C-alpha atoms as a PDB file:
ATOM      1  CA  MET A   1     112.823 112.318 103.147  1.00  0.00           C
ATOM      2  CA  ILE A   2     109.472 110.742 104.022  1.00  0.00           C
ATOM      3  CA  LEU A   3     108.912 107.452 102.166  1.00  0.00           C
ATOM      4  CA  PHE A   4     105.712 105.711 101.130  1.00  0.00           C
ATOM      5  CA  LEU A   5     106.813 102.583  99.257  1.00  0.00           C
ATOM      6  CA  THR A   6     103.697 100.868  97.983  1.00  0.00           C
ATOM      7  CA  SER A   7     102.809  97.728  96.124  1.00  0.00           C
ATOM      8  CA  SER A   8     100.073  99.771  94.474  1.00  0.00           C
ATOM      9  CA  PRO A   9      98.625 102.986  95.913  1.00  0.00           C
ATOM     10  CA  SER A  10      95.349 102.656  94.008  1.00  0.00           C
ATOM     11  CA  LEU A  11      92.154 100.671  94.215  1.00  0.00           C
ATOM     12  CA  GLU A  12      91.970  98.218  91.328  1.00  0.00           C
ATOM     13  CA  HIS A  13      90.043  99.451  88.266  1.00  0.00           C
ATOM     14  CA  THR A  14      89.412 102.881  89.789  1.00  0.00           C
ATOM     15  CA  ASP A  15      91.033 106.308  89.878  1.00  0.00           C
ATOM     16  CA  ARG A  16      90.911 106.394  93.677  1.00  0.00           C
ATOM     17  CA  LEU A  17      93.764 105.873  96.078  1.00  0.00           C
ATOM     18  CA  ASN A  18      93.518 102.874  98.392  1.00  0.00           C
ATOM     19  CA  PRO A  19      92.756 104.026 101.969  1.00  0.00           C
ATOM     20  CA  ALA A  20      93.769 100.654 103.461  1.00  0.00           C
ATOM     21  CA  ASN A  21      96.166 100.709 106.400  1.00  0.00           C
ATOM     22  CA  GLY A  22      95.822 104.463 106.791  1.00  0.00           C
ATOM     23  CA  PHE A  23      97.648 105.218 103.536  1.00  0.00           C
ATOM     24  CA  VAL A  24      95.527 108.129 102.327  1.00  0.00           C
ATOM     25  CA  ASP A  25      95.252 109.783 105.745  1.00  0.00           C
ATOM     26  CA  GLU A  26      99.000 109.480 106.352  1.00  0.00           C
ATOM     27  CA  LEU A  27      99.867 110.823 102.908  1.00  0.00           C
ATOM     28  CA  LYS A  28      97.558 113.811 103.373  1.00  0.00           C
ATOM     29  CA  ARG A  29      99.127 114.546 106.761  1.00  0.00           C
ATOM     30  CA  CYS A  30     102.574 114.587 105.147  1.00  0.00           C
ATOM     31  CA  THR A  31     101.564 116.773 102.177  1.00  0.00           C
ATOM     32  CA  PRO A  32      99.827 119.895 103.502  1.00  0.00           C
ATOM     33  CA  GLY A  33      99.442 122.982 101.348  1.00  0.00           C
ATOM     34  CA  ARG A  34     100.112 123.105  97.632  1.00  0.00           C
ATOM     35  CA  ARG A  35     102.775 120.693  96.423  1.00  0.00           C
ATOM     36  CA  ARG A  36     105.350 120.786  93.664  1.00  0.00           C
ATOM     37  CA  GLY A  37     104.881 117.333  92.170  1.00  0.00           C
ATOM     38  CA  LEU A  38     107.302 115.306  90.045  1.00  0.00           C
ATOM     39  CA  PHE A  39     106.389 112.002  88.408  1.00  0.00           C
ATOM     40  CA  ILE A  40     109.454 109.983  87.340  1.00  0.00           C
ATOM     41  CA  SER A  41     108.957 107.437  84.569  1.00  0.00           C
ATOM     42  CA  SER A  42     109.677 103.713  84.455  1.00  0.00           C
ATOM     43  CA  TYR A  43     109.732 103.678  80.636  1.00  0.00           C
ATOM     44  CA  PRO A  44     111.598 106.871  79.682  1.00  0.00           C
ATOM     45  CA  TYR A  45     110.776 106.664  75.961  1.00  0.00           C
ATOM     46  CA  TRP A  46     107.210 105.336  76.175  1.00  0.00           C
ATOM     47  CA  TYR A  47     105.720 108.783  76.360  1.00  0.00           C
ATOM     48  CA  ASP A  48     102.016 107.925  76.046  1.00  0.00           C
ATOM     49  CA  PHE A  49     102.235 105.409  78.883  1.00  0.00           C
ATOM     50  CA  THR A  50     104.137 107.842  81.102  1.00  0.00           C
ATOM     51  CA  ASP A  51     101.756 110.726  80.427  1.00  0.00           C
ATOM     52  CA  ASP A  52      98.664 108.599  81.109  1.00  0.00           C
ATOM     53  CA  PHE A  53     100.176 107.117  84.268  1.00  0.00           C
ATOM     54  CA  GLY A  54     101.571 110.387  85.577  1.00  0.00           C
ATOM     55  CA  LEU A  55      98.474 112.492  84.958  1.00  0.00           C
ATOM     56  CA  GLY A  56      96.288 109.697  86.289  1.00  0.00           C
ATOM     57  CA  MET A  57      98.227 109.784  89.558  1.00  0.00           C
ATOM     58  CA  LYS A  58      97.817 113.547  89.711  1.00  0.00           C
ATOM     59  CA  ARG A  59      94.040 113.188  89.367  1.00  0.00           C
ATOM     60  CA  SER A  60      93.955 110.489  92.049  1.00  0.00           C
ATOM     61  CA  LEU A  61      95.903 112.646  94.469  1.00  0.00           C
ATOM     62  CA  GLU A  62      93.719 115.665  93.765  1.00  0.00           C
ATOM     63  CA  MET A  63      90.584 113.598  94.449  1.00  0.00           C
ATOM     64  CA  GLU A  64      91.903 113.107  97.981  1.00  0.00           C
ATOM     65  CA  GLY A  65      92.452 116.837  98.473  1.00  0.00           C
ATOM     66  CA  ILE A  66      96.180 116.979  97.697  1.00  0.00           C
ATOM     67  CA  ARG A  67      96.731 120.138  95.656  1.00  0.00           C
ATOM     68  CA  PHE A  68      99.556 121.120  93.338  1.00  0.00           C
ATOM     69  CA  GLU A  69     101.327 124.350  92.626  1.00  0.00           C
ATOM     70  CA  SER A  70     103.090 122.540  89.775  1.00  0.00           C
ATOM     71  CA  TYR A  71     103.325 118.995  88.439  1.00  0.00           C
ATOM     72  CA  GLU A  72     106.115 117.862  86.120  1.00  0.00           C
ATOM     73  CA  ILE A  73     107.035 114.612  84.396  1.00  0.00           C
ATOM     74  CA  LEU A  74     110.626 113.379  84.219  1.00  0.00           C
ATOM     75  CA  ASP A  75     111.317 110.972  81.345  1.00  0.00           C
ATOM     76  CA  GLY A  76     113.397 110.886  78.172  1.00  0.00           C
ATOM     77  CA  ARG A  77     112.027 114.225  77.055  1.00  0.00           C
ATOM     78  CA  SER A  78     113.245 116.052  80.140  1.00  0.00           C
ATOM     79  CA  GLU A  79     116.136 113.947  81.452  1.00  0.00           C
ATOM     80  CA  PHE A  80     118.657 116.741  80.860  1.00  0.00           C
ATOM     81  CA  GLU A  81     116.641 118.871  83.291  1.00  0.00           C
ATOM     82  CA  ALA A  82     116.644 116.149  85.972  1.00  0.00           C
ATOM     83  CA  LYS A  83     118.623 118.151  88.541  1.00  0.00           C
ATOM     84  CA  GLU A  84     116.368 121.191  88.298  1.00  0.00           C
ATOM     85  CA  LEU A  85     113.188 119.096  88.308  1.00  0.00           C
ATOM     86  CA  VAL A  86     114.192 117.099  91.396  1.00  0.00           C
ATOM     87  CA  GLU A  87     115.401 120.155  93.296  1.00  0.00           C
ATOM     88  CA  GLY A  88     112.192 122.000  92.404  1.00  0.00           C
ATOM     89  CA  SER A  89     109.859 119.300  93.744  1.00  0.00           C
ATOM     90  CA  ASP A  90     108.610 118.324  97.194  1.00  0.00           C
ATOM     91  CA  LEU A  91     106.378 115.367  96.256  1.00  0.00           C
ATOM     92  CA  ILE A  92     108.113 112.792  94.062  1.00  0.00           C
ATOM     93  CA  ILE A  93     106.347 109.767  92.572  1.00  0.00           C
ATOM     94  CA  LEU A  94     108.331 106.844  91.184  1.00  0.00           C
ATOM     95  CA  ALA A  95     106.277 105.009  88.574  1.00  0.00           C
ATOM     96  CA  GLY A  96     105.664 101.292  88.386  1.00  0.00           C
ATOM     97  CA  GLY A  97     106.858  99.253  85.415  1.00  0.00           C
ATOM     98  CA  HIS A  98     109.806  97.084  84.415  1.00  0.00           C
ATOM     99  CA  VAL A  99     112.368  97.191  87.230  1.00  0.00           C
ATOM    100  CA  PRO A 100     115.596  96.931  85.158  1.00  0.00           C
ATOM    101  CA  THR A 101     114.382  99.481  82.589  1.00  0.00           C
ATOM    102  CA  GLN A 102     113.555 101.988  85.299  1.00  0.00           C
ATOM    103  CA  ASN A 103     116.765 101.244  87.170  1.00  0.00           C
ATOM    104  CA  GLU A 104     118.880 101.993  84.104  1.00  0.00           C
ATOM    105  CA  PHE A 105     117.075 105.324  83.645  1.00  0.00           C
ATOM    106  CA  PHE A 106     117.567 106.254  87.289  1.00  0.00           C
ATOM    107  CA  ARG A 107     121.275 105.541  87.027  1.00  0.00           C
ATOM    108  CA  ARG A 108     121.604 107.497  83.791  1.00  0.00           C
ATOM    109  CA  ILE A 109     120.154 110.637  85.353  1.00  0.00           C
ATOM    110  CA  SER A 110     122.084 110.046  88.636  1.00  0.00           C
ATOM    111  CA  LEU A 111     118.841 110.064  90.579  1.00  0.00           C
ATOM    112  CA  ALA A 112     120.403 108.559  93.726  1.00  0.00           C
ATOM    113  CA  SER A 113     122.762 111.527  93.974  1.00  0.00           C
ATOM    114  CA  LEU A 114     119.995 114.019  93.200  1.00  0.00           C
ATOM    115  CA  LEU A 115     117.835 112.636  96.012  1.00  0.00           C
ATOM    116  CA  ARG A 116     120.589 112.670  98.612  1.00  0.00           C
ATOM    117  CA  GLY A 117     119.527 115.119 101.310  1.00  0.00           C
ATOM    118  CA  HIS A 118     116.148 115.811  99.684  1.00  0.00           C
ATOM    119  CA  GLU A 119     113.590 116.737 102.341  1.00  0.00           C
ATOM    120  CA  GLY A 120     110.360 116.074 100.470  1.00  0.00           C
ATOM    121  CA  VAL A 121     107.922 113.177 100.298  1.00  0.00           C
ATOM    122  CA  LEU A 122     108.511 110.239  97.972  1.00  0.00           C
ATOM    123  CA  VAL A 123     105.841 107.747  96.863  1.00  0.00           C
ATOM    124  CA  GLY A 124     107.032 104.565  95.183  1.00  0.00           C
ATOM    125  CA  ILE A 125     104.736 102.435  93.072  1.00  0.00           C
ATOM    126  CA  SER A 126     105.686  98.774  92.513  1.00  0.00           C
ATOM    127  CA  ALA A 127     108.953  98.961  90.515  1.00  0.00           C
ATOM    128  CA  GLY A 128     109.564 102.438  91.922  1.00  0.00           C
ATOM    129  CA  SER A 129     109.372 101.029  95.445  1.00  0.00           C
ATOM    130  CA  MET A 130     111.751  98.217  94.523  1.00  0.00           C
ATOM    131  CA  ASN A 131     114.273 100.593  92.979  1.00  0.00           C
ATOM    132  CA  ALA A 132     114.333 102.723  96.142  1.00  0.00           C
ATOM    133  CA  ALA A 133     116.462 100.090  97.899  1.00  0.00           C
ATOM    134  CA  THR A 134     120.211 100.188  98.387  1.00  0.00           C
ATOM    135  CA  VAL A 135     120.441  96.843  96.590  1.00  0.00           C
ATOM    136  CA  VAL A 136     117.498  96.238  94.275  1.00  0.00           C
ATOM    137  CA  TYR A 137     116.128  92.740  93.742  1.00  0.00           C
ATOM    138  CA  ALA A 138     114.662  92.516  90.250  1.00  0.00           C
ATOM    139  CA  PRO A 139     113.034  89.074  89.872  1.00  0.00           C
ATOM    140  CA  ALA A 140     112.542  87.773  86.380  1.00  0.00           C
ATOM    141  CA  GLU A 141     109.118  88.890  85.165  1.00  0.00           C
ATOM    142  CA  GLU A 142     109.071  88.565  81.385  1.00  0.00           C
ATOM    143  CA  GLU A 143     109.147  85.312  79.439  1.00  0.00           C
ATOM    144  CA  GLY A 144     112.678  84.037  78.945  1.00  0.00           C
ATOM    145  CA  GLU A 145     114.288  86.177  81.646  1.00  0.00           C
ATOM    146  CA  SER A 146     114.531  83.376  84.218  1.00  0.00           C
ATOM    147  CA  LEU A 147     116.300  81.180  81.642  1.00  0.00           C
ATOM    148  CA  ASP A 148     118.680  83.868  80.421  1.00  0.00           C
ATOM    149  CA  PRO A 149     122.147  83.418  81.984  1.00  0.00           C
ATOM    150  CA  MET A 150     122.846  87.091  81.259  1.00  0.00           C
ATOM    151  CA  TYR A 151     119.791  88.344  83.172  1.00  0.00           C
ATOM    152  CA  ILE A 152     120.930  90.483  86.115  1.00  0.00           C
ATOM    153  CA  THR A 153     118.960  89.917  89.322  1.00  0.00           C
ATOM    154  CA  PHE A 154     120.488  92.514  91.668  1.00  0.00           C
ATOM    155  CA  TYR A 155     121.243  96.168  90.911  1.00  0.00           C
ATOM    156  CA  PRO A 156     122.450  99.237  92.790  1.00  0.00           C
ATOM    157  CA  GLY A 157     119.407 101.307  93.710  1.00  0.00           C
ATOM    158  CA  LEU A 158     118.539 104.732  95.071  1.00  0.00           C
ATOM    159  CA  ASP A 159     119.868 103.878  98.552  1.00  0.00           C
ATOM    160  CA  LEU A 160     116.862 105.385 100.336  1.00  0.00           C
ATOM    161  CA  THR A 161     116.303 102.257 102.441  1.00  0.00           C
ATOM    162  CA  SER A 162     117.627  98.739 102.819  1.00  0.00           C
ATOM    163  CA  ILE A 163     114.231  97.021 102.442  1.00  0.00           C
ATOM    164  CA  GLN A 164     113.853  94.797  99.364  1.00  0.00           C
ATOM    165  CA  ILE A 165     110.183  94.764  98.373  1.00  0.00           C
ATOM    166  CA  ILE A 166     108.328  92.376  96.073  1.00  0.00           C
ATOM    167  CA  PRO A 167     104.856  93.781  95.206  1.00  0.00           C
ATOM    168  CA  HIS A 168     101.502  92.364  94.059  1.00  0.00           C
ATOM    169  CA  TYR A 169     101.567  89.070  95.948  1.00  0.00           C
ATOM    170  CA  ASN A 170      97.769  88.948  95.819  1.00  0.00           C
ATOM    171  CA  GLU A 171      97.935  88.886  92.009  1.00  0.00           C
ATOM    172  CA  GLU A 172     101.108  86.928  91.369  1.00  0.00           C
ATOM    173  CA  LYS A 173     101.464  84.270  94.084  1.00  0.00           C
ATOM    174  CA  GLU A 174     100.202  81.508  91.752  1.00  0.00           C
ATOM    175  CA  ASN A 175     102.011  82.783  88.632  1.00  0.00           C
ATOM    176  CA  ARG A 176     104.398  80.667  86.626  1.00  0.00           C
ATOM    177  CA  LEU A 177     107.241  81.968  84.470  1.00  0.00           C
ATOM    178  CA  ASP A 178     109.105  79.911  81.885  1.00  0.00           C
ATOM    179  CA  GLY A 179     107.233  76.865  83.178  1.00  0.00           C
ATOM    180  CA  ARG A 180     108.299  77.364  86.811  1.00  0.00           C
ATOM    181  CA  PRO A 181     106.379  78.649  89.874  1.00  0.00           C
ATOM    182  CA  LEU A 182     107.431  82.264  90.291  1.00  0.00           C
ATOM    183  CA  PHE A 183     107.465  82.412  94.100  1.00  0.00           C
ATOM    184  CA  ASP A 184     107.975  78.788  95.122  1.00  0.00           C
ATOM    185  CA  ASP A 185     110.845  78.224  92.698  1.00  0.00           C
ATOM    186  CA  ILE A 186     112.402  81.344  91.137  1.00  0.00           C
ATOM    187  CA  ILE A 187     112.058  83.833  94.004  1.00  0.00           C
ATOM    188  CA  ALA A 188     112.624  81.180  96.681  1.00  0.00           C
ATOM    189  CA  LYS A 189     115.992  80.279  95.147  1.00  0.00           C
ATOM    190  CA  ASP A 190     116.951  83.944  94.748  1.00  0.00           C
ATOM    191  CA  SER A 191     116.236  84.501  98.465  1.00  0.00           C
ATOM    192  CA  LEU A 192     119.206  82.425  99.607  1.00  0.00           C
ATOM    193  CA  GLY A 193     121.223  84.871 101.678  1.00  0.00           C
ATOM    194  CA  HIS A 194     118.572  87.597 101.274  1.00  0.00           C
ATOM    195  CA  GLU A 195     115.381  88.859 102.915  1.00  0.00           C
ATOM    196  CA  PHE A 196     112.540  89.813 100.574  1.00  0.00           C
ATOM    197  CA  TYR A 197     109.470  91.563 101.984  1.00  0.00           C
ATOM    198  CA  ILE A 198     106.449  90.566  99.948  1.00  0.00           C
ATOM    199  CA  PHE A 199     103.517  93.018  99.840  1.00  0.00           C
ATOM    200  CA  VAL A 200      99.939  92.648  98.680  1.00  0.00           C
ATOM    201  CA  ASP A 201      98.318  95.701  97.106  1.00  0.00           C
ATOM    202  CA  GLY A 202      97.294  98.055  99.895  1.00  0.00           C
ATOM    203  CA  THR A 203     100.423  97.341 101.949  1.00  0.00           C
ATOM    204  CA  TYR A 204     103.188  99.945 102.134  1.00  0.00           C
ATOM    205  CA  PHE A 205     106.474 100.744 103.836  1.00  0.00           C
ATOM    206  CA  PHE A 206     106.450 104.037 105.706  1.00  0.00           C
ATOM    207  CA  SER A 207     109.574 105.900 106.826  1.00  0.00           C
ATOM    208  CA  GLU A 208     109.613 109.248 108.629  1.00  0.00           C
ATOM    209  CA  ASN A 209     112.407 110.321 110.973  1.00  0.00           C
ATOM    210  CA  ASP A 210     112.988 107.314 113.257  1.00  0.00           C
ATOM    211  CA  THR A 211     109.755 105.536 112.274  1.00  0.00           C
ATOM    212  CA  ARG A 212     110.111 102.651 109.826  1.00  0.00           C
ATOM    213  CA  GLU A 213     107.031 100.485 109.541  1.00  0.00           C
ATOM    214  CA  ILE A 214     105.433  97.974 107.225  1.00  0.00           C
ATOM    215  CA  ARG A 215     101.701  98.594 107.250  1.00  0.00           C
ATOM    216  CA  GLY A 216      99.340  95.893 106.065  1.00  0.00           C
ATOM    217  CA  GLU A 217      99.619  92.285 104.955  1.00  0.00           C
ATOM    218  CA  CYS A 218     103.243  91.269 104.485  1.00  0.00           C
ATOM    219  CA  TYR A 219     105.309  88.112 104.054  1.00  0.00           C
ATOM    220  CA  LEU A 220     109.021  87.458 104.432  1.00  0.00           C
ATOM    221  CA  MET A 221     110.885  85.221 101.968  1.00  0.00           C
ATOM    222  CA  LYS A 222     114.272  84.279 103.453  1.00  0.00           C
ATOM    223  CA  ASN A 223     116.569  81.417 102.484  1.00  0.00           C
ATOM    224  CA  GLY A 224     113.768  79.789 100.515  1.00  0.00           C
ATOM    225  CA  HIS A 225     111.247  79.922 103.374  1.00  0.00           C
ATOM    226  CA  LEU A 226     108.051  81.996 103.243  1.00  0.00           C
ATOM    227  CA  GLU A 227     106.624  83.352 106.502  1.00  0.00           C
ATOM    228  CA  LYS A 228     103.607  85.603 107.066  1.00  0.00           C
ATOM    229  CA  LEU A 229     104.572  88.603 109.191  1.00  0.00           C
ATOM    230  CA  SER A 230     101.398  90.693 109.374  1.00  0.00           C
ATOM    231  CA  SER A 231      97.790  90.997 108.265  1.00  0.00           C
ATOM    232  CA  GLU A 232      95.599  93.791 106.914  1.00  0.00           C
ATOM    233  CA  GLY A 233      95.366  96.615 109.449  1.00  0.00           C
ATOM    234  CA  GLU A 234      98.497  95.625 111.325  1.00  0.00           C
ATOM    235  CA  ARG A 235     101.851  97.417 111.598  1.00  0.00           C
ATOM    236  CA  ILE A 236     105.274  95.948 112.165  1.00  0.00           C
ATOM    237  CA  VAL A 237     108.529  97.740 112.839  1.00  0.00           C
ATOM    238  CA  TYR A 238     111.186  97.312 110.164  1.00  0.00           C
ATOM    239  CA  ARG A 239     114.551  96.879 111.887  1.00  0.00           C
ATOM    240  CA  GLY A 240     116.692  97.823 108.917  1.00  0.00           C
ATOM    241  CA  ARG A 241     117.508 101.262 107.580  1.00  0.00           C
END
């Protein structure tokens, strides 16, 4: 499977895909001909949100010349058809949203098993990119979560890659949650014993055959220390799976 794990694939406040770091050109190269698209929800019972998001992505892809033979949406309305929908697709899009909510849906439909051996192209958006990992890091993001002793921070994921991505650094680096700095306190403490790759919008992880690269501006949070790894326009090899 070819992976494009993005922070966000789109230009802010537009319907256009972000061409930064060669994303659009690379995606078009990997998706010739007419595709059988599948958009998989992050909120399986929030149908209006999923329909708007999913059809919006279809329009954005079509604007770049990516054409579809079919385009389906997998959420609570179609979860009992998950096997057929996944097997019948060759371009899969994992929506952005709330990481734990999406993760629970993925596990309920056994998505990790359904994707095993799949030979198509997969595009992750924000939470979708995070949930692609073997072990998913789900930082607290809603008020009260960082104070909740029952909040679960790590989950089993889709096992498509080992990289643990945190998206939207350009938007969230100064954010506070429950009165605490999100990155300098909450995420820094969670990084003890872990490596989190922090992406700005426009950065993405690309995997095809033996190529595994982070393309664009990226930071590494490890054992509480933040280090810049790359800038816009640069590529670095990811040494993990």
